[in-house]
């Protein structure tokens, strides 16, 4: 028996939004850690990010990063990027084209920073930016940070580096792998169009 979304565009949208929403709360969801790809001319870069917000009403996805990260300079030159999600159990892939908004030291980051746990804030307290060359294996953190020997007050120093990337969805391509026959569809958010595609 095929799922409700096998041949129903509305059900497909309900399904992928429910998977994205679940990924915010469920640490075991494969959709929690999509691949984020950004590029500027010859500089193409991809990495895993942690999905922090899924907002269907505003067609928005969100993740956190360090202001000193190399992807920030790429996004300043080209705000268009892509997120790729895949759930092996569900046999569902999403390719999401987005327009990125960099948030640092504003109401968006203030709200997210308040919800960021003590254990996670240490990532933004390193002296050197992510990707800095080192002569030895390192976490980039002084031993006190590695041992979580810092107060919540001390962690506030990391706020200046804490950055929220809002991803406004331009389009979603859905692929469902099925023995009976794969199904693929595209949802164009900018032009409010949806269509079936050959898988």
N, C-alpha and C. Protein backbone atom coordinates (compact mmCIF):
# COMPACT_ATOMS: atom_id res chain seq x y z
N UNK A 1 0.84 -1.20 0.00
CA UNK A 1 0.00 0.00 0.00
C UNK A 1 0.88 1.26 0.00
N UNK A 2 0.60 2.15 -0.94
CA UNK A 2 1.39 3.38 -1.06
C UNK A 2 0.91 4.43 -0.07
N UNK A 3 1.83 5.28 0.43
CA UNK A 3 1.43 6.34 1.36
C UNK A 3 0.56 7.40 0.69
N UNK A 4 -0.12 8.19 1.49
CA UNK A 4 -1.05 9.21 0.98
C UNK A 4 -0.35 10.20 0.06
N UNK A 5 0.95 10.42 0.31
CA UNK A 5 1.67 11.42 -0.48
C UNK A 5 2.22 10.87 -1.80
N UNK A 6 1.96 9.60 -2.11
CA UNK A 6 2.54 9.00 -3.31
C UNK A 6 2.11 9.72 -4.59
N UNK A 7 0.85 10.12 -4.64
CA UNK A 7 0.36 10.81 -5.84
C UNK A 7 -0.50 12.02 -5.48
N UNK A 8 -0.10 12.72 -4.40
CA UNK A 8 -0.89 13.86 -3.95
C UNK A 8 0.05 14.99 -3.51
N UNK A 9 0.07 16.07 -4.27
CA UNK A 9 1.00 17.17 -4.01
C UNK A 9 0.77 17.83 -2.65
N UNK A 10 -0.47 17.96 -2.26
CA UNK A 10 -0.78 18.58 -0.96
C UNK A 10 -0.24 17.71 0.18
N UNK A 11 -0.43 16.40 0.04
CA UNK A 11 0.06 15.47 1.07
C UNK A 11 1.58 15.45 1.13
N UNK A 12 2.22 15.63 -0.02
CA UNK A 12 3.68 15.71 -0.05
C UNK A 12 4.15 16.89 0.81
N UNK A 13 3.51 18.04 0.62
CA UNK A 13 3.89 19.23 1.40
C UNK A 13 3.67 19.00 2.89
N UNK A 14 2.54 18.40 3.23
CA UNK A 14 2.26 18.11 4.64
C UNK A 14 3.33 17.18 5.21
N UNK A 15 3.74 16.20 4.40
CA UNK A 15 4.73 15.23 4.85
C UNK A 15 6.09 15.88 5.09
N UNK A 16 6.59 16.64 4.12
CA UNK A 16 7.94 17.18 4.32
C UNK A 16 7.97 18.25 5.40
N UNK A 17 6.90 19.03 5.56
CA UNK A 17 6.88 20.01 6.65
C UNK A 17 6.83 19.30 8.01
N UNK A 18 6.10 18.18 8.09
CA UNK A 18 6.05 17.45 9.37
C UNK A 18 7.43 16.87 9.69
N UNK A 19 8.18 16.45 8.66
CA UNK A 19 9.53 15.93 8.88
C UNK A 19 10.48 17.04 9.31
N UNK A 20 10.35 18.21 8.71
CA UNK A 20 11.19 19.35 9.10
C UNK A 20 10.87 19.81 10.52
N UNK A 21 9.58 19.87 10.84
CA UNK A 21 9.17 20.28 12.19
C UNK A 21 9.68 19.29 13.24
N UNK A 22 9.59 18.01 12.92
CA UNK A 22 10.05 16.97 13.84
C UNK A 22 11.56 17.08 14.08
N UNK A 23 12.29 17.45 13.04
CA UNK A 23 13.75 17.54 13.14
C UNK A 23 14.22 18.58 14.16
N UNK A 24 13.39 19.57 14.43
CA UNK A 24 13.76 20.61 15.40
C UNK A 24 13.80 20.03 16.82
N UNK A 25 12.89 19.12 17.10
CA UNK A 25 12.78 18.54 18.44
C UNK A 25 13.50 17.20 18.58
N UNK A 26 13.53 16.45 17.49
CA UNK A 26 14.02 15.07 17.51
C UNK A 26 15.48 15.00 17.06
N UNK A 27 16.37 14.77 18.02
CA UNK A 27 17.80 14.72 17.72
C UNK A 27 18.17 13.54 16.82
N UNK A 28 17.29 12.54 16.73
CA UNK A 28 17.57 11.36 15.91
C UNK A 28 17.03 11.48 14.49
N UNK A 29 16.36 12.57 14.20
CA UNK A 29 15.82 12.75 12.86
C UNK A 29 16.94 13.00 11.85
N UNK A 30 16.95 12.27 10.72
CA UNK A 30 17.96 12.53 9.69
C UNK A 30 17.82 13.95 9.11
N UNK A 31 16.62 14.50 9.17
CA UNK A 31 16.40 15.86 8.65
C UNK A 31 17.00 16.93 9.57
N UNK A 32 17.45 16.53 10.75
CA UNK A 32 18.03 17.50 11.69
C UNK A 32 19.38 18.04 11.20
N UNK A 33 20.08 17.23 10.40
CA UNK A 33 21.42 17.64 9.96
C UNK A 33 21.53 17.61 8.42
N UNK A 34 20.97 18.61 7.76
CA UNK A 34 21.08 18.68 6.31
C UNK A 34 22.47 19.13 5.86
N UNK A 35 22.75 18.94 4.58
CA UNK A 35 23.95 19.50 3.97
C UNK A 35 23.58 20.90 3.47
N UNK A 36 24.40 21.88 3.83
CA UNK A 36 24.20 23.26 3.39
C UNK A 36 25.29 23.58 2.36
N UNK A 37 24.87 24.03 1.18
CA UNK A 37 25.82 24.31 0.10
C UNK A 37 25.68 25.76 -0.33
N UNK A 38 26.82 26.46 -0.34
CA UNK A 38 26.83 27.85 -0.81
C UNK A 38 28.01 28.03 -1.75
N UNK A 39 27.95 29.03 -2.60
CA UNK A 39 29.03 29.22 -3.56
C UNK A 39 29.15 30.67 -3.99
N UNK A 40 30.36 31.01 -4.38
CA UNK A 40 30.65 32.32 -4.97
C UNK A 40 31.65 32.10 -6.09
N UNK A 41 31.17 32.16 -7.32
CA UNK A 41 31.99 31.90 -8.51
C UNK A 41 32.66 30.53 -8.38
N UNK A 42 33.99 30.50 -8.23
CA UNK A 42 34.70 29.22 -8.17
C UNK A 42 34.76 28.62 -6.78
N UNK A 43 34.34 29.35 -5.78
CA UNK A 43 34.39 28.85 -4.40
C UNK A 43 33.05 28.21 -4.05
N UNK A 44 33.03 26.88 -4.04
CA UNK A 44 31.82 26.14 -3.71
C UNK A 44 32.10 25.37 -2.44
N UNK A 45 31.21 25.49 -1.48
CA UNK A 45 31.46 24.91 -0.16
C UNK A 45 30.21 24.24 0.38
N UNK A 46 30.38 23.07 0.96
CA UNK A 46 29.26 22.36 1.57
C UNK A 46 29.65 21.85 2.94
N UNK A 47 28.67 21.77 3.83
CA UNK A 47 28.91 21.23 5.16
C UNK A 47 27.58 20.85 5.80
N UNK A 48 27.68 20.07 6.87
CA UNK A 48 26.50 19.70 7.65
C UNK A 48 26.18 20.86 8.60
N UNK A 49 24.90 21.19 8.72
CA UNK A 49 24.46 22.17 9.72
C UNK A 49 23.35 21.51 10.56
N UNK A 50 23.01 22.14 11.66
CA UNK A 50 21.94 21.63 12.51
C UNK A 50 20.72 22.52 12.33
N UNK A 51 19.63 21.92 11.87
CA UNK A 51 18.40 22.67 11.67
C UNK A 51 17.84 23.12 13.02
N UNK A 52 17.63 24.42 13.18
CA UNK A 52 17.17 24.98 14.45
C UNK A 52 15.74 25.51 14.41
N UNK A 53 15.23 25.77 13.20
CA UNK A 53 13.87 26.29 13.12
C UNK A 53 13.24 25.87 11.79
N UNK A 54 11.96 25.54 11.86
CA UNK A 54 11.17 25.21 10.68
C UNK A 54 9.88 26.00 10.80
N UNK A 55 9.63 26.89 9.84
CA UNK A 55 8.49 27.81 9.94
C UNK A 55 7.72 27.79 8.62
N UNK A 56 6.69 26.95 8.58
CA UNK A 56 5.91 26.79 7.35
C UNK A 56 5.19 28.06 6.94
N UNK A 57 4.63 28.76 7.91
CA UNK A 57 3.84 29.97 7.60
C UNK A 57 4.67 31.05 6.93
N UNK A 58 5.97 31.08 7.21
CA UNK A 58 6.86 32.09 6.61
C UNK A 58 7.85 31.49 5.61
N UNK A 59 7.67 30.20 5.28
CA UNK A 59 8.56 29.50 4.34
C UNK A 59 10.03 29.71 4.72
N UNK A 60 10.34 29.37 5.96
CA UNK A 60 11.66 29.68 6.52
C UNK A 60 12.28 28.50 7.24
N UNK A 61 13.58 28.31 7.02
CA UNK A 61 14.39 27.37 7.78
C UNK A 61 15.53 28.16 8.40
N UNK A 62 16.12 27.63 9.47
CA UNK A 62 17.12 28.43 10.20
C UNK A 62 18.16 27.53 10.84
N UNK A 63 19.42 28.02 10.84
CA UNK A 63 20.49 27.33 11.57
C UNK A 63 21.44 28.37 12.15
N UNK A 64 22.33 27.92 13.05
CA UNK A 64 23.28 28.80 13.72
C UNK A 64 24.68 28.60 13.16
N UNK A 65 25.50 29.64 13.22
CA UNK A 65 26.89 29.54 12.81
C UNK A 65 27.71 30.61 13.52
N UNK A 66 29.01 30.58 13.28
CA UNK A 66 29.94 31.56 13.84
C UNK A 66 30.15 32.65 12.80
N UNK A 67 30.08 33.90 13.20
CA UNK A 67 30.25 35.03 12.30
C UNK A 67 31.59 34.96 11.55
N UNK A 68 32.57 34.29 12.16
CA UNK A 68 33.92 34.21 11.58
C UNK A 68 34.06 33.04 10.61
N UNK A 69 33.00 32.26 10.42
CA UNK A 69 33.04 31.11 9.53
C UNK A 69 33.20 31.54 8.07
N UNK A 70 33.87 30.72 7.27
CA UNK A 70 34.11 31.05 5.86
C UNK A 70 32.83 31.19 5.06
N UNK A 71 31.76 30.50 5.48
CA UNK A 71 30.51 30.59 4.72
C UNK A 71 29.89 31.98 4.80
N UNK A 72 30.22 32.73 5.84
CA UNK A 72 29.66 34.08 5.97
C UNK A 72 30.15 34.98 4.83
N UNK A 73 31.44 34.92 4.52
CA UNK A 73 31.97 35.73 3.42
C UNK A 73 31.38 35.31 2.08
N UNK A 74 31.16 34.00 1.91
CA UNK A 74 30.54 33.52 0.67
C UNK A 74 29.12 34.06 0.57
N UNK A 75 28.36 33.97 1.66
CA UNK A 75 26.96 34.42 1.65
C UNK A 75 26.83 35.94 1.47
N UNK A 76 27.84 36.67 1.91
CA UNK A 76 27.81 38.13 1.70
C UNK A 76 27.92 38.47 0.22
N UNK A 77 28.58 37.59 -0.54
CA UNK A 77 28.74 37.80 -1.98
C UNK A 77 27.59 37.18 -2.77
N UNK A 78 27.05 36.09 -2.27
CA UNK A 78 25.95 35.39 -2.94
C UNK A 78 25.02 34.79 -1.90
N UNK A 79 23.86 35.40 -1.74
CA UNK A 79 22.93 34.98 -0.68
C UNK A 79 22.13 33.72 -1.04
N UNK A 80 22.28 33.25 -2.29
CA UNK A 80 21.57 32.05 -2.72
C UNK A 80 22.34 30.80 -2.32
N UNK A 81 21.62 29.81 -1.80
CA UNK A 81 22.27 28.59 -1.32
C UNK A 81 21.28 27.43 -1.44
N UNK A 82 21.71 26.27 -0.98
CA UNK A 82 20.88 25.08 -1.07
C UNK A 82 21.04 24.23 0.18
N UNK A 83 19.96 23.58 0.58
CA UNK A 83 19.98 22.62 1.67
C UNK A 83 19.51 21.28 1.10
N UNK A 84 20.22 20.20 1.45
CA UNK A 84 19.84 18.87 1.00
C UNK A 84 19.57 18.00 2.22
N UNK A 85 18.38 17.41 2.24
CA UNK A 85 17.95 16.53 3.33
C UNK A 85 17.73 15.13 2.76
N UNK A 86 18.05 14.10 3.56
CA UNK A 86 17.74 12.74 3.13
C UNK A 86 17.42 11.87 4.33
N UNK A 87 16.32 11.15 4.24
CA UNK A 87 15.91 10.20 5.27
C UNK A 87 15.91 8.81 4.66
N UNK A 88 16.87 7.99 5.06
CA UNK A 88 17.03 6.65 4.49
C UNK A 88 15.83 5.76 4.76
N UNK A 89 15.28 5.84 5.98
CA UNK A 89 14.14 5.01 6.35
C UNK A 89 12.89 5.38 5.55
N UNK A 90 12.66 6.68 5.44
CA UNK A 90 11.48 7.17 4.72
C UNK A 90 11.69 7.14 3.20
N UNK A 91 12.96 7.05 2.78
CA UNK A 91 13.33 7.08 1.36
C UNK A 91 12.91 8.40 0.70
N UNK A 92 13.11 9.48 1.46
CA UNK A 92 12.71 10.81 0.99
C UNK A 92 13.92 11.75 0.97
N UNK A 93 14.09 12.41 -0.17
CA UNK A 93 15.12 13.45 -0.31
C UNK A 93 14.46 14.78 -0.61
N UNK A 94 14.98 15.83 0.02
CA UNK A 94 14.54 17.20 -0.29
C UNK A 94 15.74 18.00 -0.75
N UNK A 95 15.58 18.72 -1.84
CA UNK A 95 16.57 19.69 -2.30
C UNK A 95 15.90 21.05 -2.21
N UNK A 96 16.39 21.87 -1.30
CA UNK A 96 15.72 23.13 -0.99
C UNK A 96 16.62 24.31 -1.40
N UNK A 97 16.13 25.11 -2.35
CA UNK A 97 16.86 26.31 -2.75
C UNK A 97 16.38 27.46 -1.87
N UNK A 98 17.34 28.22 -1.35
CA UNK A 98 17.02 29.26 -0.37
C UNK A 98 17.77 30.56 -0.66
N UNK A 99 17.24 31.62 -0.05
CA UNK A 99 17.92 32.91 -0.02
C UNK A 99 18.27 33.17 1.44
N UNK A 100 19.54 33.41 1.72
CA UNK A 100 20.01 33.49 3.11
C UNK A 100 20.08 34.92 3.65
N UNK A 101 19.69 35.06 4.89
CA UNK A 101 19.77 36.33 5.61
C UNK A 101 20.70 36.11 6.80
N UNK A 102 21.77 36.90 6.88
CA UNK A 102 22.74 36.79 7.98
C UNK A 102 22.29 37.68 9.13
N UNK A 103 22.09 37.08 10.29
CA UNK A 103 21.68 37.84 11.49
C UNK A 103 22.77 37.78 12.54
N UNK A 104 23.21 38.96 13.00
CA UNK A 104 24.22 39.04 14.05
C UNK A 104 23.92 40.26 14.90
N UNK A 105 23.88 40.04 16.21
CA UNK A 105 23.60 41.13 17.16
C UNK A 105 22.31 41.88 16.83
N UNK A 106 21.23 41.13 16.64
CA UNK A 106 19.92 41.75 16.42
C UNK A 106 18.86 40.95 17.19
N UNK A 107 17.61 41.29 17.01
CA UNK A 107 16.54 40.64 17.78
C UNK A 107 16.43 39.15 17.46
N UNK A 108 16.75 38.78 16.22
CA UNK A 108 16.70 37.36 15.84
C UNK A 108 17.75 36.57 16.62
N UNK A 109 18.98 37.10 16.66
CA UNK A 109 20.04 36.39 17.38
C UNK A 109 19.83 36.44 18.89
N UNK A 110 19.30 37.54 19.38
CA UNK A 110 19.03 37.65 20.83
C UNK A 110 18.08 36.54 21.27
N UNK A 111 17.03 36.35 20.50
CA UNK A 111 16.02 35.35 20.83
C UNK A 111 16.63 33.93 20.80
N UNK A 112 17.40 33.63 19.76
CA UNK A 112 18.02 32.30 19.64
C UNK A 112 19.11 32.08 20.68
N UNK A 113 19.88 33.13 20.98
CA UNK A 113 20.96 33.02 21.96
C UNK A 113 20.43 32.67 23.34
N UNK A 114 19.30 33.26 23.70
CA UNK A 114 18.69 32.97 25.01
C UNK A 114 18.34 31.49 25.14
N UNK A 115 18.00 30.85 24.01
CA UNK A 115 17.62 29.44 24.02
C UNK A 115 18.82 28.51 23.86
N UNK A 116 20.00 29.09 23.57
CA UNK A 116 21.20 28.26 23.37
C UNK A 116 21.76 27.83 24.73
N UNK A 117 21.92 26.53 24.89
CA UNK A 117 22.36 25.98 26.16
C UNK A 117 23.82 26.33 26.47
N UNK A 118 24.10 26.32 27.77
CA UNK A 118 25.45 26.59 28.28
C UNK A 118 26.49 25.72 27.57
N UNK A 119 26.18 24.44 27.40
CA UNK A 119 27.11 23.49 26.78
C UNK A 119 27.45 23.87 25.33
N UNK A 120 26.50 24.47 24.62
CA UNK A 120 26.68 24.82 23.21
C UNK A 120 27.37 26.17 23.01
N UNK A 121 27.30 27.02 24.00
CA UNK A 121 27.84 28.37 23.84
C UNK A 121 29.36 28.41 23.72
N UNK A 122 30.01 27.37 24.20
CA UNK A 122 31.48 27.37 24.17
C UNK A 122 32.03 27.42 22.75
N UNK A 123 31.24 26.94 21.78
CA UNK A 123 31.68 26.95 20.37
C UNK A 123 31.99 28.36 19.88
N UNK A 124 31.36 29.35 20.50
CA UNK A 124 31.51 30.74 20.05
C UNK A 124 32.53 31.51 20.89
N UNK A 125 33.21 30.78 21.79
CA UNK A 125 34.18 31.41 22.68
C UNK A 125 35.63 31.18 22.26
N UNK A 126 35.85 30.49 21.15
CA UNK A 126 37.23 30.23 20.72
C UNK A 126 37.92 31.52 20.31
N UNK A 127 39.23 31.57 20.55
CA UNK A 127 40.02 32.76 20.18
C UNK A 127 40.17 32.87 18.66
N UNK A 128 40.40 31.74 18.02
CA UNK A 128 40.62 31.74 16.57
C UNK A 128 39.34 31.34 15.84
N UNK A 129 39.16 31.89 14.65
CA UNK A 129 37.97 31.55 13.85
C UNK A 129 37.97 30.08 13.42
N UNK A 130 36.79 29.51 13.16
CA UNK A 130 36.72 28.15 12.62
C UNK A 130 37.52 28.07 11.31
N UNK A 131 38.28 26.98 11.15
CA UNK A 131 39.05 26.80 9.92
C UNK A 131 40.46 27.34 9.98
N UNK A 132 40.83 27.95 11.12
CA UNK A 132 42.19 28.48 11.28
C UNK A 132 43.21 27.33 11.28
N UNK A 133 44.30 27.49 10.55
CA UNK A 133 45.35 26.47 10.50
C UNK A 133 46.02 26.35 11.87
N UNK A 134 46.26 25.10 12.28
CA UNK A 134 46.91 24.83 13.57
C UNK A 134 48.08 23.88 13.36
N UNK A 135 49.11 24.00 14.19
CA UNK A 135 50.27 23.12 14.11
C UNK A 135 50.05 21.80 14.85
N UNK A 136 48.90 21.66 15.51
CA UNK A 136 48.63 20.45 16.28
C UNK A 136 47.12 20.22 16.33
N UNK A 137 46.69 18.98 16.63
CA UNK A 137 45.26 18.70 16.73
C UNK A 137 44.65 19.54 17.85
N UNK A 138 43.53 20.17 17.58
CA UNK A 138 42.94 21.05 18.59
C UNK A 138 41.44 21.21 18.40
N UNK A 139 40.77 21.46 19.51
CA UNK A 139 39.35 21.81 19.46
C UNK A 139 39.21 23.32 19.25
N UNK A 140 40.35 24.02 19.41
CA UNK A 140 40.32 25.47 19.33
C UNK A 140 39.98 26.12 20.65
N UNK A 141 39.70 25.28 21.64
CA UNK A 141 39.27 25.79 22.95
C UNK A 141 40.37 25.64 23.98
N UNK A 142 40.44 26.59 24.89
CA UNK A 142 41.34 26.45 26.03
C UNK A 142 40.77 25.34 26.92
N UNK A 143 41.60 24.74 27.75
CA UNK A 143 41.18 23.57 28.53
C UNK A 143 39.96 23.85 29.41
N UNK A 144 39.85 25.09 29.89
CA UNK A 144 38.68 25.42 30.73
C UNK A 144 37.38 25.25 29.94
N UNK A 145 37.43 25.63 28.67
CA UNK A 145 36.23 25.49 27.84
C UNK A 145 35.95 24.02 27.55
N UNK A 146 37.00 23.26 27.27
CA UNK A 146 36.83 21.84 27.00
C UNK A 146 36.22 21.13 28.21
N UNK A 147 36.58 21.59 29.40
CA UNK A 147 36.07 20.98 30.64
C UNK A 147 34.77 21.64 31.12
N UNK A 148 34.23 22.51 30.30
CA UNK A 148 33.00 23.25 30.63
C UNK A 148 33.15 24.07 31.91
N UNK A 149 34.39 24.51 32.17
CA UNK A 149 34.66 25.30 33.37
C UNK A 149 34.50 26.79 33.05
N UNK A 150 33.26 27.17 32.80
CA UNK A 150 32.95 28.58 32.54
C UNK A 150 31.50 28.82 32.94
N UNK A 151 31.23 30.01 33.40
CA UNK A 151 29.88 30.34 33.87
C UNK A 151 28.99 30.78 32.71
N UNK A 152 27.70 30.82 32.97
CA UNK A 152 26.76 31.30 31.96
C UNK A 152 27.08 32.76 31.63
N UNK A 153 27.50 33.50 32.66
CA UNK A 153 27.87 34.92 32.46
C UNK A 153 29.08 35.02 31.54
N UNK A 154 30.07 34.15 31.75
CA UNK A 154 31.27 34.14 30.91
C UNK A 154 30.92 33.78 29.46
N UNK A 155 29.92 32.92 29.30
CA UNK A 155 29.53 32.49 27.96
C UNK A 155 28.97 33.63 27.12
N UNK A 156 28.54 34.69 27.77
CA UNK A 156 27.98 35.84 27.04
C UNK A 156 28.99 36.48 26.10
N UNK A 157 30.28 36.25 26.36
CA UNK A 157 31.33 36.79 25.49
C UNK A 157 31.21 36.22 24.07
N UNK A 158 30.62 35.04 23.96
CA UNK A 158 30.49 34.39 22.65
C UNK A 158 29.38 34.98 21.79
N UNK A 159 28.52 35.78 22.40
CA UNK A 159 27.37 36.32 21.66
C UNK A 159 27.80 37.11 20.42
N UNK A 160 28.93 37.80 20.50
CA UNK A 160 29.37 38.62 19.36
C UNK A 160 29.64 37.77 18.12
N UNK A 161 29.98 36.50 18.32
CA UNK A 161 30.26 35.60 17.19
C UNK A 161 29.05 34.78 16.76
N UNK A 162 28.06 34.71 17.64
CA UNK A 162 26.87 33.91 17.39
C UNK A 162 26.04 34.51 16.26
N UNK A 163 25.75 33.71 15.25
CA UNK A 163 25.04 34.20 14.07
C UNK A 163 23.93 33.23 13.68
N UNK A 164 22.81 33.78 13.29
CA UNK A 164 21.67 32.99 12.84
C UNK A 164 21.50 33.19 11.34
N UNK A 165 21.48 32.10 10.61
CA UNK A 165 21.23 32.17 9.17
C UNK A 165 19.78 31.78 8.93
N UNK A 166 19.00 32.74 8.46
CA UNK A 166 17.62 32.47 8.08
C UNK A 166 17.61 32.12 6.59
N UNK A 167 16.96 31.04 6.26
CA UNK A 167 16.90 30.57 4.88
C UNK A 167 15.47 30.68 4.37
N UNK A 168 15.22 31.69 3.55
CA UNK A 168 13.89 31.86 2.96
C UNK A 168 13.78 30.92 1.76
N UNK A 169 12.81 30.04 1.80
CA UNK A 169 12.69 29.00 0.77
C UNK A 169 12.20 29.58 -0.55
N UNK A 170 12.95 29.28 -1.61
CA UNK A 170 12.57 29.67 -2.97
C UNK A 170 11.88 28.51 -3.68
N UNK A 171 12.42 27.30 -3.45
CA UNK A 171 11.79 26.11 -4.05
C UNK A 171 12.18 24.86 -3.28
N UNK A 172 11.34 23.85 -3.40
CA UNK A 172 11.61 22.54 -2.80
C UNK A 172 11.42 21.49 -3.88
N UNK A 173 12.43 20.63 -4.03
CA UNK A 173 12.29 19.47 -4.90
C UNK A 173 12.23 18.23 -4.02
N UNK A 174 11.18 17.46 -4.21
CA UNK A 174 10.90 16.26 -3.42
C UNK A 174 11.18 15.01 -4.26
N UNK A 175 11.84 14.03 -3.66
CA UNK A 175 12.03 12.74 -4.32
C UNK A 175 11.70 11.64 -3.34
N UNK A 176 10.79 10.75 -3.76
CA UNK A 176 10.42 9.60 -2.94
C UNK A 176 10.79 8.34 -3.71
N UNK A 177 11.62 7.51 -3.10
CA UNK A 177 12.07 6.28 -3.74
C UNK A 177 11.13 5.13 -3.38
N UNK A 178 10.50 4.56 -4.40
CA UNK A 178 9.54 3.49 -4.17
C UNK A 178 9.76 2.38 -5.19
N UNK A 179 9.61 1.12 -4.74
CA UNK A 179 9.80 -0.03 -5.63
C UNK A 179 8.82 0.01 -6.80
N UNK A 180 7.61 0.45 -6.54
CA UNK A 180 6.58 0.52 -7.59
C UNK A 180 6.93 1.57 -8.64
N UNK A 181 7.69 2.57 -8.25
CA UNK A 181 8.05 3.68 -9.14
C UNK A 181 8.30 4.92 -8.30
N UNK A 182 9.45 5.55 -8.51
CA UNK A 182 9.79 6.75 -7.74
C UNK A 182 8.83 7.88 -8.08
N UNK A 183 8.75 8.85 -7.18
CA UNK A 183 7.92 10.03 -7.41
C UNK A 183 8.76 11.27 -7.11
N UNK A 184 8.66 12.25 -7.98
CA UNK A 184 9.41 13.50 -7.83
C UNK A 184 8.51 14.67 -8.13
N UNK A 185 8.62 15.72 -7.34
CA UNK A 185 7.79 16.91 -7.54
C UNK A 185 8.57 18.16 -7.16
N UNK A 186 8.14 19.28 -7.72
CA UNK A 186 8.78 20.55 -7.41
C UNK A 186 7.73 21.55 -6.94
N UNK A 187 8.10 22.29 -5.89
CA UNK A 187 7.24 23.33 -5.34
C UNK A 187 7.98 24.65 -5.45
N UNK A 188 7.49 25.52 -6.33
CA UNK A 188 8.10 26.82 -6.60
C UNK A 188 7.41 27.85 -5.70
N UNK A 189 8.10 28.24 -4.63
CA UNK A 189 7.51 29.16 -3.65
C UNK A 189 7.42 30.58 -4.19
N UNK A 190 8.35 30.96 -5.05
CA UNK A 190 8.39 32.34 -5.56
C UNK A 190 7.23 32.61 -6.52
N UNK A 191 6.87 31.60 -7.30
CA UNK A 191 5.79 31.79 -8.28
C UNK A 191 4.52 31.04 -7.92
N UNK A 192 4.52 30.44 -6.72
CA UNK A 192 3.36 29.70 -6.23
C UNK A 192 2.89 28.64 -7.23
N UNK A 193 3.86 27.84 -7.70
CA UNK A 193 3.55 26.78 -8.65
C UNK A 193 4.05 25.45 -8.11
N UNK A 194 3.38 24.40 -8.51
CA UNK A 194 3.81 23.05 -8.15
C UNK A 194 3.65 22.13 -9.35
N UNK A 195 4.56 21.17 -9.47
CA UNK A 195 4.49 20.29 -10.64
C UNK A 195 5.16 18.96 -10.34
N UNK A 196 4.71 17.94 -11.05
CA UNK A 196 5.35 16.63 -10.98
C UNK A 196 6.56 16.66 -11.92
N UNK A 197 7.61 15.92 -11.55
CA UNK A 197 8.79 15.80 -12.39
C UNK A 197 9.08 14.32 -12.64
N UNK A 198 9.75 14.03 -13.73
CA UNK A 198 10.22 12.66 -13.96
C UNK A 198 11.38 12.42 -12.97
N UNK A 199 11.32 11.35 -12.19
CA UNK A 199 12.37 11.09 -11.19
C UNK A 199 13.75 10.93 -11.82
